[in-house]
């Protein structure tokens, strides 16, 4: 699928961006340069089945501890108690994706003996983290 091909591409872009930040060049105008910090990558994987949110990266799905929190004014939706696993390489991210796929809920249907009856959301987050200024 698409996700399996996209993950290595994302890491290639991160590598390019990190190289540009380290050398003080930028791909877009108006960016601060040089960047004093690093990029962090995290993955999460959840499924929604029978209106229950389950974490596919926690042992036992987190025992139903995930809750959807919505801030309508800011337009933000957050899932509480969802594991966000830090990853350094495409292989690590793909490992979590495959592990989560194995944990998905499946039930037999008339058309397919191993059909997933749930919606799944795999998230790969790239965060730009600034290094703290030294205290005086």
N, C-alpha and C. Protein backbone atom coordinates (compact mmCIF):
# COMPACT_ATOMS: atom_id res chain seq x y z
N UNK A 1 0.76 -1.18 0.00
CA UNK A 1 0.00 0.00 0.00
C UNK A 1 0.81 1.27 0.00
N UNK A 2 0.08 2.32 0.04
CA UNK A 2 0.63 3.66 -0.02
C UNK A 2 1.51 3.99 1.19
N UNK A 3 1.06 3.62 2.38
CA UNK A 3 1.81 3.96 3.60
C UNK A 3 3.18 3.30 3.58
N UNK A 4 3.25 2.05 3.14
CA UNK A 4 4.53 1.35 3.10
C UNK A 4 5.53 2.05 2.18
N UNK A 5 5.04 2.67 1.11
CA UNK A 5 5.93 3.39 0.19
C UNK A 5 6.22 4.81 0.67
N UNK A 6 5.28 5.41 1.39
CA UNK A 6 5.43 6.79 1.82
C UNK A 6 6.43 6.95 2.97
N UNK A 7 6.49 5.98 3.85
CA UNK A 7 7.37 6.10 5.02
C UNK A 7 8.83 6.33 4.63
N UNK A 8 9.42 5.52 3.74
CA UNK A 8 10.81 5.81 3.34
C UNK A 8 10.96 7.19 2.68
N UNK A 9 9.96 7.63 1.93
CA UNK A 9 10.00 8.96 1.30
C UNK A 9 10.05 10.06 2.36
N UNK A 10 9.24 9.91 3.41
CA UNK A 10 9.23 10.90 4.48
C UNK A 10 10.62 10.99 5.12
N UNK A 11 11.23 9.84 5.39
CA UNK A 11 12.56 9.85 6.00
C UNK A 11 13.61 10.43 5.06
N UNK A 12 13.46 10.23 3.75
CA UNK A 12 14.37 10.88 2.80
C UNK A 12 14.23 12.40 2.87
N UNK A 13 13.01 12.88 2.97
CA UNK A 13 12.77 14.32 3.09
C UNK A 13 13.34 14.86 4.40
N UNK A 14 13.20 14.10 5.47
CA UNK A 14 13.75 14.51 6.76
C UNK A 14 15.27 14.61 6.68
N UNK A 15 15.88 13.64 6.03
CA UNK A 15 17.35 13.65 5.88
C UNK A 15 17.78 14.89 5.10
N UNK A 16 17.08 15.21 4.01
CA UNK A 16 17.39 16.39 3.22
C UNK A 16 17.22 17.65 4.04
N UNK A 17 16.11 17.74 4.76
CA UNK A 17 15.82 18.92 5.58
C UNK A 17 16.87 19.08 6.68
N UNK A 18 17.25 17.98 7.32
CA UNK A 18 18.25 18.02 8.39
C UNK A 18 19.59 18.50 7.84
N UNK A 19 19.95 18.03 6.66
CA UNK A 19 21.20 18.46 6.02
C UNK A 19 21.16 19.95 5.71
N UNK A 20 20.02 20.42 5.20
CA UNK A 20 19.87 21.84 4.89
C UNK A 20 19.93 22.69 6.15
N UNK A 21 19.29 22.22 7.23
CA UNK A 21 19.30 22.98 8.47
C UNK A 21 20.71 23.05 9.05
N UNK A 22 21.44 21.95 8.97
CA UNK A 22 22.79 21.91 9.52
C UNK A 22 23.73 22.83 8.74
N UNK A 23 23.51 22.96 7.42
CA UNK A 23 24.38 23.79 6.60
C UNK A 23 23.94 25.25 6.57
N UNK A 24 22.76 25.53 7.16
CA UNK A 24 22.29 26.90 7.20
C UNK A 24 21.54 27.33 5.96
N UNK A 25 21.24 26.38 5.05
CA UNK A 25 20.43 26.72 3.88
C UNK A 25 19.00 26.36 4.16
N UNK A 26 18.08 26.90 3.39
CA UNK A 26 16.66 26.65 3.59
C UNK A 26 15.99 26.41 2.26
N UNK A 27 14.93 25.60 2.29
CA UNK A 27 14.21 25.31 1.06
C UNK A 27 13.11 26.32 0.79
N UNK A 28 12.75 27.13 1.78
CA UNK A 28 11.71 28.13 1.56
C UNK A 28 12.12 29.45 2.18
N UNK A 29 11.68 30.53 1.55
CA UNK A 29 12.03 31.85 2.04
C UNK A 29 11.33 32.13 3.35
N UNK A 30 11.98 32.96 4.19
CA UNK A 30 11.38 33.35 5.45
C UNK A 30 11.70 32.41 6.59
N UNK A 31 12.29 31.24 6.31
CA UNK A 31 12.66 30.34 7.40
C UNK A 31 13.86 30.89 8.14
N UNK A 32 13.90 30.62 9.44
CA UNK A 32 15.05 31.01 10.23
C UNK A 32 16.20 30.09 9.87
N UNK A 33 17.41 30.63 9.86
CA UNK A 33 18.55 29.84 9.44
C UNK A 33 19.78 30.37 10.14
N UNK A 34 20.68 29.57 10.66
CA UNK A 34 20.58 28.12 10.77
C UNK A 34 19.66 27.71 11.91
N UNK A 35 19.10 26.55 11.80
CA UNK A 35 18.18 26.02 12.80
C UNK A 35 18.97 25.37 13.92
N UNK A 36 18.69 25.75 15.15
CA UNK A 36 19.38 25.20 16.31
C UNK A 36 18.46 24.20 16.99
N UNK A 37 18.49 22.95 16.55
CA UNK A 37 17.63 21.93 17.11
C UNK A 37 17.68 20.68 16.27
N UNK A 38 16.59 19.91 16.33
CA UNK A 38 16.54 18.65 15.58
C UNK A 38 15.08 18.30 15.26
N UNK A 39 14.91 17.27 14.43
CA UNK A 39 13.59 16.78 14.10
C UNK A 39 13.35 15.47 14.83
N UNK A 40 12.17 15.32 15.42
CA UNK A 40 11.78 14.08 16.09
C UNK A 40 10.64 13.45 15.31
N UNK A 41 10.70 12.13 15.18
CA UNK A 41 9.66 11.40 14.46
C UNK A 41 9.02 10.40 15.41
N UNK A 42 7.69 10.38 15.42
CA UNK A 42 6.93 9.46 16.27
C UNK A 42 5.83 8.83 15.44
N UNK A 43 5.43 7.61 15.82
CA UNK A 43 4.32 6.95 15.16
C UNK A 43 3.29 6.52 16.20
N UNK A 44 2.04 6.49 15.76
CA UNK A 44 0.95 5.93 16.56
C UNK A 44 0.03 5.18 15.61
N UNK A 45 -0.76 4.28 16.18
CA UNK A 45 -1.65 3.46 15.34
C UNK A 45 -2.87 3.11 16.18
N UNK A 46 -4.04 3.50 15.72
CA UNK A 46 -5.27 3.20 16.45
C UNK A 46 -6.30 2.61 15.52
N UNK A 47 -7.27 1.96 16.11
CA UNK A 47 -8.42 1.50 15.32
C UNK A 47 -9.69 1.90 16.05
N UNK A 48 -10.74 2.10 15.27
CA UNK A 48 -12.06 2.41 15.80
C UNK A 48 -12.97 1.26 15.39
N UNK A 49 -13.49 0.56 16.40
CA UNK A 49 -14.33 -0.60 16.16
C UNK A 49 -15.49 -0.56 17.13
N UNK A 50 -16.72 -0.59 16.63
CA UNK A 50 -17.92 -0.48 17.47
C UNK A 50 -17.86 0.74 18.38
N UNK A 51 -17.41 1.87 17.81
CA UNK A 51 -17.33 3.15 18.50
C UNK A 51 -16.36 3.15 19.68
N UNK A 52 -15.42 2.20 19.71
CA UNK A 52 -14.38 2.14 20.74
C UNK A 52 -13.04 2.38 20.07
N UNK A 53 -12.23 3.28 20.65
CA UNK A 53 -10.90 3.55 20.13
C UNK A 53 -9.90 2.67 20.87
N UNK A 54 -9.10 1.93 20.09
CA UNK A 54 -8.14 0.99 20.65
C UNK A 54 -6.75 1.28 20.09
N UNK A 55 -5.76 1.33 20.98
CA UNK A 55 -4.38 1.57 20.60
C UNK A 55 -3.77 0.27 20.10
N UNK A 56 -3.35 0.24 18.84
CA UNK A 56 -2.79 -0.99 18.26
C UNK A 56 -1.32 -1.20 18.62
N UNK A 57 -0.68 -0.21 19.26
CA UNK A 57 0.72 -0.36 19.64
C UNK A 57 0.90 -0.72 21.12
N UNK A 58 -0.20 -0.74 21.87
CA UNK A 58 -0.14 -1.16 23.28
C UNK A 58 -0.50 -2.63 23.39
N UNK A 59 0.16 -3.31 24.29
CA UNK A 59 -0.17 -4.70 24.57
C UNK A 59 -1.62 -4.77 25.02
N UNK A 60 -2.41 -5.59 24.38
CA UNK A 60 -3.83 -5.71 24.75
C UNK A 60 -4.66 -4.51 24.33
N UNK A 61 -4.13 -3.64 23.48
CA UNK A 61 -4.91 -2.49 23.00
C UNK A 61 -5.12 -1.42 24.04
N UNK A 62 -4.33 -1.46 25.13
CA UNK A 62 -4.47 -0.44 26.16
C UNK A 62 -5.70 -0.62 27.02
N UNK A 63 -6.34 -1.76 26.95
CA UNK A 63 -7.51 -2.09 27.77
C UNK A 63 -8.61 -1.04 27.67
N UNK A 64 -8.80 -0.48 26.48
CA UNK A 64 -9.89 0.49 26.29
C UNK A 64 -9.66 1.81 26.96
N UNK A 65 -8.40 2.15 27.26
CA UNK A 65 -8.09 3.38 27.97
C UNK A 65 -8.04 4.61 27.08
N UNK A 66 -8.08 4.44 25.77
CA UNK A 66 -8.00 5.59 24.86
C UNK A 66 -9.34 6.33 24.85
N UNK A 67 -9.23 7.65 24.92
CA UNK A 67 -10.42 8.49 24.86
C UNK A 67 -10.20 9.60 23.85
N UNK A 68 -11.23 9.91 23.09
CA UNK A 68 -11.14 10.99 22.12
C UNK A 68 -11.55 12.28 22.81
N UNK A 69 -10.65 13.28 22.74
CA UNK A 69 -10.90 14.60 23.33
C UNK A 69 -10.95 15.61 22.20
N UNK A 70 -11.99 16.44 22.20
CA UNK A 70 -12.15 17.41 21.12
C UNK A 70 -12.30 18.81 21.67
N UNK A 71 -11.53 19.74 21.12
CA UNK A 71 -11.64 21.15 21.44
C UNK A 71 -12.25 21.82 20.21
N UNK A 72 -13.56 22.02 20.22
CA UNK A 72 -14.26 22.54 19.05
C UNK A 72 -13.83 23.96 18.71
N UNK A 73 -13.53 24.78 19.71
CA UNK A 73 -13.13 26.16 19.44
C UNK A 73 -11.83 26.23 18.64
N UNK A 74 -10.87 25.39 19.00
CA UNK A 74 -9.57 25.39 18.31
C UNK A 74 -9.54 24.40 17.15
N UNK A 75 -10.56 23.56 17.04
CA UNK A 75 -10.60 22.58 15.96
C UNK A 75 -9.57 21.47 16.12
N UNK A 76 -9.31 21.08 17.36
CA UNK A 76 -8.28 20.08 17.65
C UNK A 76 -8.94 18.83 18.22
N UNK A 77 -8.50 17.67 17.71
CA UNK A 77 -8.93 16.38 18.24
C UNK A 77 -7.69 15.65 18.71
N UNK A 78 -7.73 15.13 19.94
CA UNK A 78 -6.60 14.41 20.53
C UNK A 78 -7.11 13.10 21.10
N UNK A 79 -6.29 12.07 21.03
CA UNK A 79 -6.63 10.79 21.63
C UNK A 79 -5.76 10.61 22.86
N UNK A 80 -6.39 10.59 24.04
CA UNK A 80 -5.67 10.44 25.29
C UNK A 80 -5.21 9.00 25.46
N UNK A 81 -4.05 8.82 26.08
CA UNK A 81 -3.46 7.51 26.38
C UNK A 81 -3.08 6.72 25.13
N UNK A 82 -2.80 7.42 24.04
CA UNK A 82 -2.35 6.77 22.81
C UNK A 82 -0.82 6.77 22.79
N UNK A 83 -0.22 5.62 22.57
CA UNK A 83 1.24 5.51 22.51
C UNK A 83 1.74 6.24 21.27
N UNK A 84 2.73 7.11 21.46
CA UNK A 84 3.45 7.73 20.35
C UNK A 84 4.89 7.24 20.46
N UNK A 85 5.23 6.25 19.65
CA UNK A 85 6.54 5.61 19.74
C UNK A 85 7.57 6.39 18.92
N UNK A 86 8.68 6.79 19.55
CA UNK A 86 9.73 7.48 18.78
C UNK A 86 10.42 6.51 17.83
N UNK A 87 10.70 6.97 16.62
CA UNK A 87 11.39 6.15 15.62
C UNK A 87 12.53 6.96 15.01
N UNK A 88 13.59 6.25 14.63
CA UNK A 88 14.76 6.90 14.04
C UNK A 88 14.94 6.56 12.57
N UNK A 89 14.34 5.46 12.12
CA UNK A 89 14.57 4.98 10.75
C UNK A 89 13.25 4.54 10.12
N UNK A 90 13.23 4.44 8.80
CA UNK A 90 12.03 3.92 8.14
C UNK A 90 11.72 2.49 8.58
N UNK A 91 12.76 1.69 8.81
CA UNK A 91 12.54 0.30 9.22
C UNK A 91 11.82 0.22 10.57
N UNK A 92 12.17 1.11 11.50
CA UNK A 92 11.47 1.12 12.79
C UNK A 92 9.99 1.48 12.61
N UNK A 93 9.72 2.51 11.81
CA UNK A 93 8.34 2.92 11.57
C UNK A 93 7.55 1.79 10.90
N UNK A 94 8.16 1.13 9.94
CA UNK A 94 7.50 0.01 9.26
C UNK A 94 7.26 -1.15 10.21
N UNK A 95 8.17 -1.37 11.15
CA UNK A 95 7.99 -2.44 12.15
C UNK A 95 6.73 -2.17 12.98
N UNK A 96 6.56 -0.91 13.43
CA UNK A 96 5.36 -0.56 14.20
C UNK A 96 4.10 -0.69 13.35
N UNK A 97 4.18 -0.31 12.10
CA UNK A 97 3.03 -0.45 11.21
C UNK A 97 2.63 -1.92 11.08
N UNK A 98 3.60 -2.78 10.86
CA UNK A 98 3.32 -4.22 10.72
C UNK A 98 2.80 -4.81 12.03
N UNK A 99 3.39 -4.41 13.16
CA UNK A 99 2.93 -4.91 14.47
C UNK A 99 1.49 -4.49 14.72
N UNK A 100 1.16 -3.25 14.39
CA UNK A 100 -0.21 -2.77 14.56
C UNK A 100 -1.19 -3.49 13.65
N UNK A 101 -0.76 -3.77 12.43
CA UNK A 101 -1.63 -4.50 11.49
C UNK A 101 -1.96 -5.89 12.05
N UNK A 102 -1.01 -6.52 12.70
CA UNK A 102 -1.24 -7.84 13.30
C UNK A 102 -2.24 -7.77 14.46
N UNK A 103 -2.32 -6.61 15.12
CA UNK A 103 -3.20 -6.46 16.28
C UNK A 103 -4.61 -6.02 15.91
N UNK A 104 -4.88 -5.75 14.63
CA UNK A 104 -6.20 -5.27 14.22
C UNK A 104 -7.29 -6.30 14.45
N UNK A 105 -8.49 -5.81 14.66
CA UNK A 105 -9.65 -6.65 14.84
C UNK A 105 -10.09 -7.20 13.48
N UNK A 106 -10.25 -8.53 13.40
CA UNK A 106 -10.75 -9.14 12.17
C UNK A 106 -11.89 -10.10 12.51
N UNK A 107 -12.84 -10.17 11.62
CA UNK A 107 -13.96 -11.10 11.76
C UNK A 107 -14.30 -11.62 10.37
N UNK A 108 -14.82 -12.80 10.33
CA UNK A 108 -15.25 -13.37 9.05
C UNK A 108 -16.51 -12.67 8.56
N UNK A 109 -16.57 -12.47 7.25
CA UNK A 109 -17.79 -11.97 6.61
C UNK A 109 -18.16 -12.97 5.53
N UNK A 110 -19.29 -12.75 4.90
CA UNK A 110 -19.71 -13.65 3.82
C UNK A 110 -18.73 -13.61 2.65
N UNK A 111 -18.05 -12.46 2.47
CA UNK A 111 -17.15 -12.30 1.33
C UNK A 111 -15.69 -12.61 1.65
N UNK A 112 -15.31 -12.55 2.94
CA UNK A 112 -13.89 -12.64 3.29
C UNK A 112 -13.73 -13.21 4.69
N UNK A 113 -12.92 -14.25 4.83
CA UNK A 113 -12.74 -14.90 6.12
C UNK A 113 -11.89 -14.08 7.08
N UNK A 114 -11.07 -13.15 6.58
CA UNK A 114 -10.20 -12.34 7.43
C UNK A 114 -10.41 -10.85 7.19
N UNK A 115 -11.64 -10.41 7.14
CA UNK A 115 -11.94 -9.01 6.88
C UNK A 115 -11.79 -8.17 8.14
N UNK A 116 -11.18 -6.99 8.00
CA UNK A 116 -11.13 -6.07 9.13
C UNK A 116 -12.46 -5.35 9.20
N UNK A 117 -13.04 -5.32 10.36
CA UNK A 117 -14.34 -4.68 10.55
C UNK A 117 -14.17 -3.32 11.22
N UNK A 118 -12.94 -2.81 11.25
CA UNK A 118 -12.66 -1.56 11.95
C UNK A 118 -11.98 -0.56 11.01
N UNK A 119 -12.01 0.71 11.40
CA UNK A 119 -11.25 1.75 10.72
C UNK A 119 -9.93 1.89 11.46
N UNK A 120 -8.84 2.09 10.73
CA UNK A 120 -7.53 2.23 11.35
C UNK A 120 -6.89 3.55 10.93
N UNK A 121 -6.13 4.15 11.87
CA UNK A 121 -5.43 5.40 11.59
C UNK A 121 -3.98 5.23 12.04
N UNK A 122 -3.05 5.23 11.07
CA UNK A 122 -1.62 5.21 11.35
C UNK A 122 -1.13 6.64 11.18
N UNK A 123 -0.46 7.16 12.21
CA UNK A 123 0.02 8.54 12.17
C UNK A 123 1.53 8.57 12.32
N UNK A 124 2.20 9.29 11.44
CA UNK A 124 3.63 9.53 11.54
C UNK A 124 3.78 11.04 11.74
N UNK A 125 4.33 11.43 12.87
CA UNK A 125 4.45 12.84 13.24
C UNK A 125 5.91 13.26 13.17
N UNK A 126 6.18 14.36 12.48
CA UNK A 126 7.52 14.93 12.45
C UNK A 126 7.44 16.27 13.17
N UNK A 127 8.25 16.41 14.21
CA UNK A 127 8.21 17.61 15.03
C UNK A 127 9.58 18.29 15.04
N UNK A 128 9.57 19.57 14.81
CA UNK A 128 10.80 20.37 14.86
C UNK A 128 10.99 20.84 16.29
N UNK A 129 12.08 20.40 16.91
CA UNK A 129 12.34 20.70 18.32
C UNK A 129 13.53 21.65 18.41
N UNK A 130 13.30 22.79 19.02
CA UNK A 130 14.38 23.78 19.18
C UNK A 130 15.21 23.44 20.41
N UNK A 131 16.50 23.64 20.26
CA UNK A 131 17.41 23.45 21.39
C UNK A 131 17.21 24.62 22.34
N UNK A 132 17.19 24.34 23.63
CA UNK A 132 16.99 25.40 24.62
C UNK A 132 18.22 26.28 24.69
N UNK A 133 17.98 27.58 24.88
CA UNK A 133 19.07 28.52 25.01
C UNK A 133 19.77 28.28 26.35
N UNK A 134 21.10 28.38 26.39
CA UNK A 134 21.81 28.15 27.65
C UNK A 134 21.42 29.20 28.70
N UNK A 135 21.29 28.75 29.94
CA UNK A 135 20.95 29.66 31.04
C UNK A 135 22.16 30.51 31.38
N UNK A 136 21.88 31.75 31.76
CA UNK A 136 22.98 32.67 32.12
C UNK A 136 23.12 32.76 33.60
